[in-house]
Amino acid sequence: MCFLAFCSTARARQVSLHCDPAQTTAAITLSASLHAVHGGFKVKTCDLRFDPSTMTISGEMVFDATTGQTGNTSRDRKMHKDVLESERYPDIKFRPDRVEGKVTTATASTVQVHGLFAIHGSEHEITVPVEVKLDGDKWAASAHLPIPYVQWGMKNPSNIFLHVRDTVDVELKAGGSAIP
């Protein structure tokens, strides 16, 4: 399989995928009884290595849990103190290890990416559908992850007046440079 401009005469080589912080975001949506809460987190670091000949991927994406914001200071304070405990667990990480499916060039491909998602001091094995586009020396990817935060040991912030789901929807977007 030939991979972008990174093909040798017979086979593809490993590619380093560096994230541009301006193109790499984690947006969240938490459905509640009266409305949906929207927010996001900033990326801390993100460097991945993809080997198209073996369909392995390594490296990690790290989001800064302490940067989480929803636009409401009181709600954010409760999220950081009671749910994420972001002072104690400041990193949210995804460490992929393999890609299932076919990655094509110049057009978007949908593949399954398997790896470990670490949050709140615990790691969880996940497989996520990811739409990826590799074009020349640039790449972009997006994924939707439902995170069962209560099942994974975090507190549900519901109270007598407001009830929220025990799963938060995360929209990951990443992009940057692809270097052979």
Protein backbone atom coordinates (compact mmCIF):
# COMPACT_ATOMS: atom_id res chain seq x y z
CA MET A 1 0.00 0.00 0.00
CA CYS A 2 1.39 3.40 -0.93
CA PHE A 3 0.92 6.08 1.71
CA LEU A 4 1.00 9.68 0.51
CA ALA A 5 4.42 10.86 -0.59
CA PHE A 6 5.96 8.63 2.07
CA CYS A 7 6.31 5.53 -0.08
CA SER A 8 9.59 3.91 -0.73
CA THR A 9 9.84 1.83 -3.85
CA ALA A 10 8.25 -1.22 -2.27
CA ARG A 11 6.51 -0.22 0.95
CA ALA A 12 5.36 2.67 3.09
CA ARG A 13 7.40 4.04 5.98
CA GLN A 14 6.39 5.21 9.42
CA VAL A 15 4.93 8.72 9.51
CA SER A 16 5.10 11.17 12.40
CA LEU A 17 1.84 13.02 12.95
CA HIS A 18 2.40 16.25 14.86
CA CYS A 19 -0.63 18.11 16.21
CA ASP A 20 -1.17 21.80 15.72
CA PRO A 21 -2.79 23.10 18.95
CA ALA A 22 -4.97 25.45 16.89
CA GLN A 23 -6.43 22.43 15.05
CA THR A 24 -6.63 20.05 18.03
CA THR A 25 -9.63 20.33 20.35
CA ALA A 26 -11.82 18.28 22.66
CA ALA A 27 -15.38 19.64 22.80
CA ILE A 28 -17.84 18.17 25.29
CA THR A 29 -21.62 18.00 25.51
CA LEU A 30 -23.40 16.84 28.63
CA SER A 31 -27.16 16.45 28.31
CA ALA A 32 -29.15 17.70 31.28
CA SER A 33 -32.85 17.78 32.19
CA LEU A 34 -33.29 21.44 31.23
CA HIS A 35 -30.52 21.99 28.68
CA ALA A 36 -27.25 20.68 27.32
CA VAL A 37 -23.93 21.85 28.73
CA HIS A 38 -21.20 22.56 26.16
CA GLY A 39 -17.53 23.06 26.86
CA GLY A 40 -14.04 22.03 25.95
CA PHE A 41 -10.46 21.28 26.89
CA LYS A 42 -7.14 22.46 25.49
CA VAL A 43 -4.53 20.07 24.15
CA LYS A 44 -1.28 19.82 26.11
CA THR A 45 0.76 17.58 23.80
CA CYS A 46 0.02 15.40 20.82
CA ASP A 47 2.52 13.43 18.79
CA LEU A 48 1.67 10.17 17.04
CA ARG A 49 3.55 7.74 14.84
CA PHE A 50 1.68 5.71 12.23
CA ASP A 51 3.11 2.73 10.33
CA PRO A 52 0.83 2.00 7.35
CA SER A 53 2.60 -1.29 6.57
CA THR A 54 1.60 -2.78 9.95
CA MET A 55 -1.36 -0.46 10.75
CA THR A 56 0.17 0.28 14.14
CA ILE A 57 0.01 3.69 15.75
CA SER A 58 1.80 4.89 18.87
CA GLY A 59 2.33 8.06 20.85
CA GLU A 60 -0.31 9.96 22.77
CA MET A 61 -2.72 12.87 22.80
CA VAL A 62 -2.82 14.68 26.15
CA PHE A 63 -5.51 17.19 27.05
CA ASP A 64 -5.18 19.46 30.07
CA ALA A 65 -8.05 18.61 32.44
CA THR A 66 -7.50 21.88 34.32
CA THR A 67 -8.44 23.91 31.20
CA GLY A 68 -11.98 22.52 31.01
CA GLN A 69 -14.54 25.29 30.64
CA THR A 70 -18.29 25.36 30.05
CA GLY A 71 -18.90 29.10 30.25
CA ASN A 72 -20.23 29.03 33.81
CA THR A 73 -17.66 29.67 36.55
CA SER A 74 -19.65 27.99 39.32
CA ARG A 75 -20.35 24.90 37.21
CA ASP A 76 -16.71 24.73 36.09
CA ARG A 77 -15.51 24.93 39.69
CA LYS A 78 -17.81 22.01 40.61
CA MET A 79 -16.65 20.04 37.53
CA HIS A 80 -12.98 20.47 38.46
CA LYS A 81 -13.39 19.89 42.21
CA ASP A 82 -16.07 17.17 42.39
CA VAL A 83 -16.15 15.36 39.03
CA LEU A 84 -12.76 15.48 37.32
CA GLU A 85 -10.70 16.24 40.41
CA SER A 86 -8.44 17.98 37.90
CA GLU A 87 -5.96 19.23 40.48
CA ARG A 88 -5.24 15.60 41.40
CA TYR A 89 -5.64 14.23 37.84
CA PRO A 90 -4.51 17.03 35.48
CA ASP A 91 -4.13 14.92 32.31
CA ILE A 92 -6.64 13.25 30.02
CA LYS A 93 -4.75 10.94 27.65
CA PHE A 94 -5.39 8.76 24.64
CA ARG A 95 -2.64 6.30 23.66
CA PRO A 96 -3.58 4.52 20.43
CA ASP A 97 -1.95 1.22 19.44
CA ARG A 98 -3.58 0.04 16.21
CA VAL A 99 -5.73 1.08 13.28
CA GLU A 100 -8.30 -1.19 11.66
CA GLY A 101 -9.53 -0.39 8.16
CA LYS A 102 -7.97 1.18 5.11
CA VAL A 103 -6.33 4.59 5.18
CA THR A 104 -6.46 6.26 1.78
CA THR A 105 -4.77 9.44 0.63
CA ALA A 106 -6.29 12.80 -0.27
CA THR A 107 -9.83 11.65 0.64
CA ALA A 108 -11.32 10.96 4.04
CA SER A 109 -11.22 7.41 5.38
CA THR A 110 -13.16 6.03 8.32
CA VAL A 111 -11.14 3.59 10.41
CA GLN A 112 -11.34 2.09 13.89
CA VAL A 113 -8.59 3.23 16.26
CA HIS A 114 -7.91 1.10 19.33
CA GLY A 115 -6.04 2.23 22.42
CA LEU A 116 -6.11 3.27 26.05
CA PHE A 117 -8.05 6.29 27.29
CA ALA A 118 -6.80 7.57 30.67
CA ILE A 119 -8.89 9.88 32.83
CA HIS A 120 -9.33 10.44 36.55
CA GLY A 121 -6.44 8.10 37.40
CA SER A 122 -7.72 5.06 35.45
CA GLU A 123 -7.09 3.63 32.00
CA HIS A 124 -9.87 2.24 29.81
CA GLU A 125 -9.51 0.21 26.63
CA ILE A 126 -11.54 1.72 23.79
CA THR A 127 -12.02 1.41 20.05
CA VAL A 128 -13.19 4.59 18.34
CA PRO A 129 -14.38 5.26 14.79
CA VAL A 130 -12.13 8.00 13.40
CA GLU A 131 -12.46 9.91 10.17
CA VAL A 132 -8.96 10.70 8.96
CA LYS A 133 -7.63 12.60 5.98
CA LEU A 134 -3.98 12.39 4.97
CA ASP A 135 -3.03 14.80 2.23
CA GLY A 136 0.59 15.55 1.37
CA ASP A 137 2.34 16.83 4.47
CA LYS A 138 -0.90 17.51 6.40
CA TRP A 139 -3.38 15.37 8.29
CA ALA A 140 -6.72 15.84 10.03
CA ALA A 141 -8.88 13.52 12.10
CA SER A 142 -12.17 13.66 13.96
CA ALA A 143 -13.90 11.26 16.33
CA HIS A 144 -16.96 11.07 18.55
CA LEU A 145 -16.53 9.33 21.91
CA PRO A 146 -19.27 8.75 24.45
CA ILE A 147 -17.41 8.71 27.78
CA PRO A 148 -19.25 6.85 30.58
CA TYR A 149 -17.70 9.05 33.27
CA VAL A 150 -19.86 7.68 36.12
CA GLN A 151 -19.09 4.07 35.17
CA TRP A 152 -15.42 5.08 35.07
CA GLY A 153 -15.47 6.28 38.70
CA MET A 154 -16.37 9.95 38.51
CA LYS A 155 -19.20 11.63 40.37
CA ASN A 156 -22.47 12.56 38.63
CA PRO A 157 -23.05 16.27 39.40
CA SER A 158 -26.86 15.96 39.39
CA ASN A 159 -28.79 17.59 42.22
CA ILE A 160 -32.41 17.87 43.25
CA PHE A 161 -33.13 20.47 40.54
CA LEU A 162 -30.90 19.35 37.70
CA HIS A 163 -30.34 15.85 36.38
CA VAL A 164 -27.53 15.11 33.93
CA ARG A 165 -26.70 11.98 31.94
CA ASP A 166 -23.96 9.72 33.24
CA THR A 167 -22.22 9.81 29.85
CA VAL A 168 -20.55 12.86 28.30
CA ASP A 169 -20.16 13.18 24.53
CA VAL A 170 -16.69 14.20 23.36
CA GLU A 171 -15.91 15.46 19.86
CA LEU A 172 -12.19 15.19 19.18
CA LYS A 173 -10.64 17.07 16.30
CA ALA A 174 -6.94 16.94 15.53
CA GLY A 175 -4.71 18.03 12.72
CA GLY A 176 -1.25 19.16 11.84
CA SER A 177 1.81 18.09 9.93
CA ALA A 178 2.68 14.62 8.63
CA ILE A 179 6.41 13.96 8.38
CA PRO A 180 7.98 10.76 6.94
